[in-house]
C-alpha atoms as a PDB file:
ATOM      1  CA  MET A   1     111.482 110.694 -35.410  1.00  0.00           C
ATOM      2  CA  LYS A   2     108.487 108.841 -33.931  1.00  0.00           C
ATOM      3  CA  SER A   3     107.707 109.300 -30.243  1.00  0.00           C
ATOM      4  CA  VAL A   4     107.251 106.233 -28.032  1.00  0.00           C
ATOM      5  CA  VAL A   5     105.705 105.800 -24.595  1.00  0.00           C
ATOM      6  CA  ILE A   6     106.430 102.654 -22.572  1.00  0.00           C
ATOM      7  CA  VAL A   7     103.945 101.601 -19.880  1.00  0.00           C
ATOM      8  CA  ASP A   8     104.658  98.597 -17.650  1.00  0.00           C
ATOM      9  CA  ASP A   9     104.434  97.996 -13.919  1.00  0.00           C
ATOM     10  CA  GLU A  10     107.625  95.905 -13.884  1.00  0.00           C
ATOM     11  CA  SER A  11     110.695  98.121 -13.549  1.00  0.00           C
ATOM     12  CA  LEU A  12     112.977  95.496 -15.123  1.00  0.00           C
ATOM     13  CA  VAL A  13     110.792  95.443 -18.227  1.00  0.00           C
ATOM     14  CA  ARG A  14     110.806  99.243 -18.462  1.00  0.00           C
ATOM     15  CA  VAL A  15     114.596  99.389 -18.129  1.00  0.00           C
ATOM     16  CA  GLY A  16     115.096  96.405 -20.431  1.00  0.00           C
ATOM     17  CA  LEU A  17     113.009  97.907 -23.213  1.00  0.00           C
ATOM     18  CA  GLN A  18     114.835 101.209 -23.007  1.00  0.00           C
ATOM     19  CA  SER A  19     118.177  99.450 -23.389  1.00  0.00           C
ATOM     20  CA  LEU A  20     117.103  96.816 -25.942  1.00  0.00           C
ATOM     21  CA  PHE A  21     118.569  98.873 -28.805  1.00  0.00           C
ATOM     22  CA  ASP A  22     119.522 102.411 -29.749  1.00  0.00           C
ATOM     23  CA  TRP A  23     116.026 103.791 -30.273  1.00  0.00           C
ATOM     24  CA  GLU A  24     117.118 107.053 -31.908  1.00  0.00           C
ATOM     25  CA  GLN A  25     119.340 105.246 -34.405  1.00  0.00           C
ATOM     26  CA  HIS A  26     116.185 103.463 -35.602  1.00  0.00           C
ATOM     27  CA  GLY A  27     114.025 106.594 -35.793  1.00  0.00           C
ATOM     28  CA  TYR A  28     112.302 106.509 -32.394  1.00  0.00           C
ATOM     29  CA  THR A  29     112.467 108.696 -29.307  1.00  0.00           C
ATOM     30  CA  ILE A  30     111.228 107.451 -25.944  1.00  0.00           C
ATOM     31  CA  VAL A  31     109.246 110.398 -24.573  1.00  0.00           C
ATOM     32  CA  GLY A  32     107.824 108.733 -21.480  1.00  0.00           C
ATOM     33  CA  VAL A  33     108.171 105.649 -19.302  1.00  0.00           C
ATOM     34  CA  TYR A  34     105.376 104.932 -16.824  1.00  0.00           C
ATOM     35  CA  GLN A  35     104.402 102.206 -14.380  1.00  0.00           C
ATOM     36  CA  ASN A  36     100.660 102.277 -15.087  1.00  0.00           C
ATOM     37  CA  GLY A  37      97.997 103.703 -17.365  1.00  0.00           C
ATOM     38  CA  ALA A  38      96.954 106.395 -14.869  1.00  0.00           C
ATOM     39  CA  GLU A  39     100.429 107.958 -15.166  1.00  0.00           C
ATOM     40  CA  ALA A  40     100.637 107.492 -18.930  1.00  0.00           C
ATOM     41  CA  ILE A  41      97.250 109.067 -19.673  1.00  0.00           C
ATOM     42  CA  GLN A  42      98.627 112.364 -18.348  1.00  0.00           C
ATOM     43  CA  SER A  43     101.485 112.437 -20.873  1.00  0.00           C
ATOM     44  CA  ALA A  44     101.580 114.115 -24.260  1.00  0.00           C
ATOM     45  CA  PRO A  45     100.189 111.742 -26.906  1.00  0.00           C
ATOM     46  CA  PRO A  46     102.903 109.614 -28.543  1.00  0.00           C
ATOM     47  CA  ASP A  47     103.055 108.125 -32.030  1.00  0.00           C
ATOM     48  CA  VAL A  48     103.512 104.636 -30.549  1.00  0.00           C
ATOM     49  CA  LEU A  49     102.314 103.167 -27.250  1.00  0.00           C
ATOM     50  CA  LEU A  50     104.011 100.039 -25.852  1.00  0.00           C
ATOM     51  CA  THR A  51     101.916  98.847 -22.947  1.00  0.00           C
ATOM     52  CA  ASP A  52     101.404  95.941 -20.615  1.00  0.00           C
ATOM     53  CA  ILE A  53      97.847  94.741 -19.986  1.00  0.00           C
ATOM     54  CA  ARG A  54      97.756  94.007 -16.263  1.00  0.00           C
ATOM     55  CA  MET A  55      98.874  96.943 -14.124  1.00  0.00           C
ATOM     56  CA  PRO A  56      97.646  98.611 -10.937  1.00  0.00           C
ATOM     57  CA  ASP A  57      95.575 101.829 -10.957  1.00  0.00           C
ATOM     58  CA  MET A  58      94.739 101.651 -14.680  1.00  0.00           C
ATOM     59  CA  ASP A  59      95.352  98.563 -16.783  1.00  0.00           C
ATOM     60  CA  GLY A  60      96.514  98.599 -20.381  1.00  0.00           C
ATOM     61  CA  LEU A  61      93.133  97.835 -21.924  1.00  0.00           C
ATOM     62  CA  THR A  62      91.507 100.755 -20.104  1.00  0.00           C
ATOM     63  CA  LEU A  63      94.385 103.000 -21.171  1.00  0.00           C
ATOM     64  CA  ILE A  64      93.979 101.885 -24.787  1.00  0.00           C
ATOM     65  CA  GLU A  65      90.214 102.394 -24.706  1.00  0.00           C
ATOM     66  CA  LYS A  66      90.608 105.954 -23.379  1.00  0.00           C
ATOM     67  CA  LEU A  67      93.386 106.923 -25.788  1.00  0.00           C
ATOM     68  CA  LYS A  68      91.657 105.486 -28.865  1.00  0.00           C
ATOM     69  CA  LYS A  69      88.666 107.787 -28.272  1.00  0.00           C
ATOM     70  CA  THR A  70      90.791 110.879 -28.849  1.00  0.00           C
ATOM     71  CA  LEU A  71      93.668 109.353 -30.847  1.00  0.00           C
ATOM     72  CA  PRO A  72      92.125 106.804 -33.220  1.00  0.00           C
ATOM     73  CA  ALA A  73      95.315 106.574 -35.322  1.00  0.00           C
ATOM     74  CA  LEU A  74      97.576 105.817 -32.340  1.00  0.00           C
ATOM     75  CA  ASN A  75      99.811 102.805 -32.977  1.00  0.00           C
ATOM     76  CA  ILE A  76      99.637 100.408 -30.047  1.00  0.00           C
ATOM     77  CA  VAL A  77     101.644  97.312 -29.233  1.00  0.00           C
ATOM     78  CA  ILE A  78     100.721  95.222 -26.204  1.00  0.00           C
ATOM     79  CA  MET A  79     103.443  93.421 -24.288  1.00  0.00           C
ATOM     80  CA  SER A  80     102.118  90.823 -21.923  1.00  0.00           C
ATOM     81  CA  SER A  81     103.128  87.838 -19.862  1.00  0.00           C
ATOM     82  CA  TYR A  82      99.713  86.339 -20.588  1.00  0.00           C
ATOM     83  CA  ASP A  83      99.089  84.171 -23.625  1.00  0.00           C
ATOM     84  CA  ASP A  84      95.359  84.702 -23.130  1.00  0.00           C
ATOM     85  CA  PHE A  85      92.867  84.638 -26.000  1.00  0.00           C
ATOM     86  CA  ASP A  86      90.418  86.987 -24.247  1.00  0.00           C
ATOM     87  CA  TYR A  87      93.106  89.664 -23.896  1.00  0.00           C
ATOM     88  CA  MET A  88      94.165  89.223 -27.512  1.00  0.00           C
ATOM     89  CA  ARG A  89      90.561  89.403 -28.704  1.00  0.00           C
ATOM     90  CA  LYS A  90      89.923  92.615 -26.788  1.00  0.00           C
ATOM     91  CA  ALA A  91      93.164  94.058 -28.136  1.00  0.00           C
ATOM     92  CA  ILE A  92      92.054  93.310 -31.699  1.00  0.00           C
ATOM     93  CA  GLN A  93      88.750  95.062 -31.036  1.00  0.00           C
ATOM     94  CA  TYR A  94      90.682  98.173 -29.989  1.00  0.00           C
ATOM     95  CA  GLY A  95      92.810  98.098 -33.140  1.00  0.00           C
ATOM     96  CA  VAL A  96      96.087  97.144 -31.483  1.00  0.00           C
ATOM     97  CA  LYS A  97      98.883  96.600 -34.033  1.00  0.00           C
ATOM     98  CA  ASP A  98     100.470  93.620 -32.289  1.00  0.00           C
ATOM     99  CA  TYR A  99     100.482  91.521 -29.114  1.00  0.00           C
ATOM    100  CA  ILE A 100     103.927  90.366 -28.003  1.00  0.00           C
ATOM    101  CA  LEU A 101     104.695  88.008 -25.155  1.00  0.00           C
ATOM    102  CA  LYS A 102     107.241  89.674 -22.856  1.00  0.00           C
ATOM    103  CA  HIS A 103     109.421  86.630 -22.442  1.00  0.00           C
ATOM    104  CA  LYS A 104     109.779  86.422 -26.241  1.00  0.00           C
ATOM    105  CA  ILE A 105     110.595  90.057 -27.007  1.00  0.00           C
ATOM    106  CA  GLU A 106     113.714  90.339 -29.118  1.00  0.00           C
ATOM    107  CA  GLN A 107     115.258  93.400 -30.712  1.00  0.00           C
ATOM    108  CA  ASP A 108     114.571  92.374 -34.322  1.00  0.00           C
ATOM    109  CA  GLU A 109     110.973  91.362 -33.616  1.00  0.00           C
ATOM    110  CA  LEU A 110     110.152  94.599 -31.789  1.00  0.00           C
ATOM    111  CA  LEU A 111     111.800  96.745 -34.468  1.00  0.00           C
ATOM    112  CA  GLY A 112     109.844  94.872 -37.140  1.00  0.00           C
ATOM    113  CA  VAL A 113     106.579  95.510 -35.307  1.00  0.00           C
ATOM    114  CA  LEU A 114     107.419  99.197 -34.775  1.00  0.00           C
ATOM    115  CA  ASP A 115     108.410  99.710 -38.393  1.00  0.00           C
ATOM    116  CA  ARG A 116     105.119  98.241 -39.661  1.00  0.00           C
END
């Protein structure tokens, strides 16, 4: 079972992701759900990090940068409302596995990304 942490400042997104599918049936356990990177950085390290980019207190890119220093093999997927090349470029530099636009997240797409 792979552990997953979800980080997003929008409560509807956090709730929606948790109920998108039966995580455990697909081999994943959600071990933490946080509204910003400052909260998430305090958690036990997961196998997979699903994070937004723009959040108060600590944004997703800062969170990724900090976690990658101690967890270089961490699998990271960014979920964003911004179709912004600069964000995507920075994400690539940090070794992010994928960059998904929030309004396009579907169960099959997210499971495909997680399973890669």
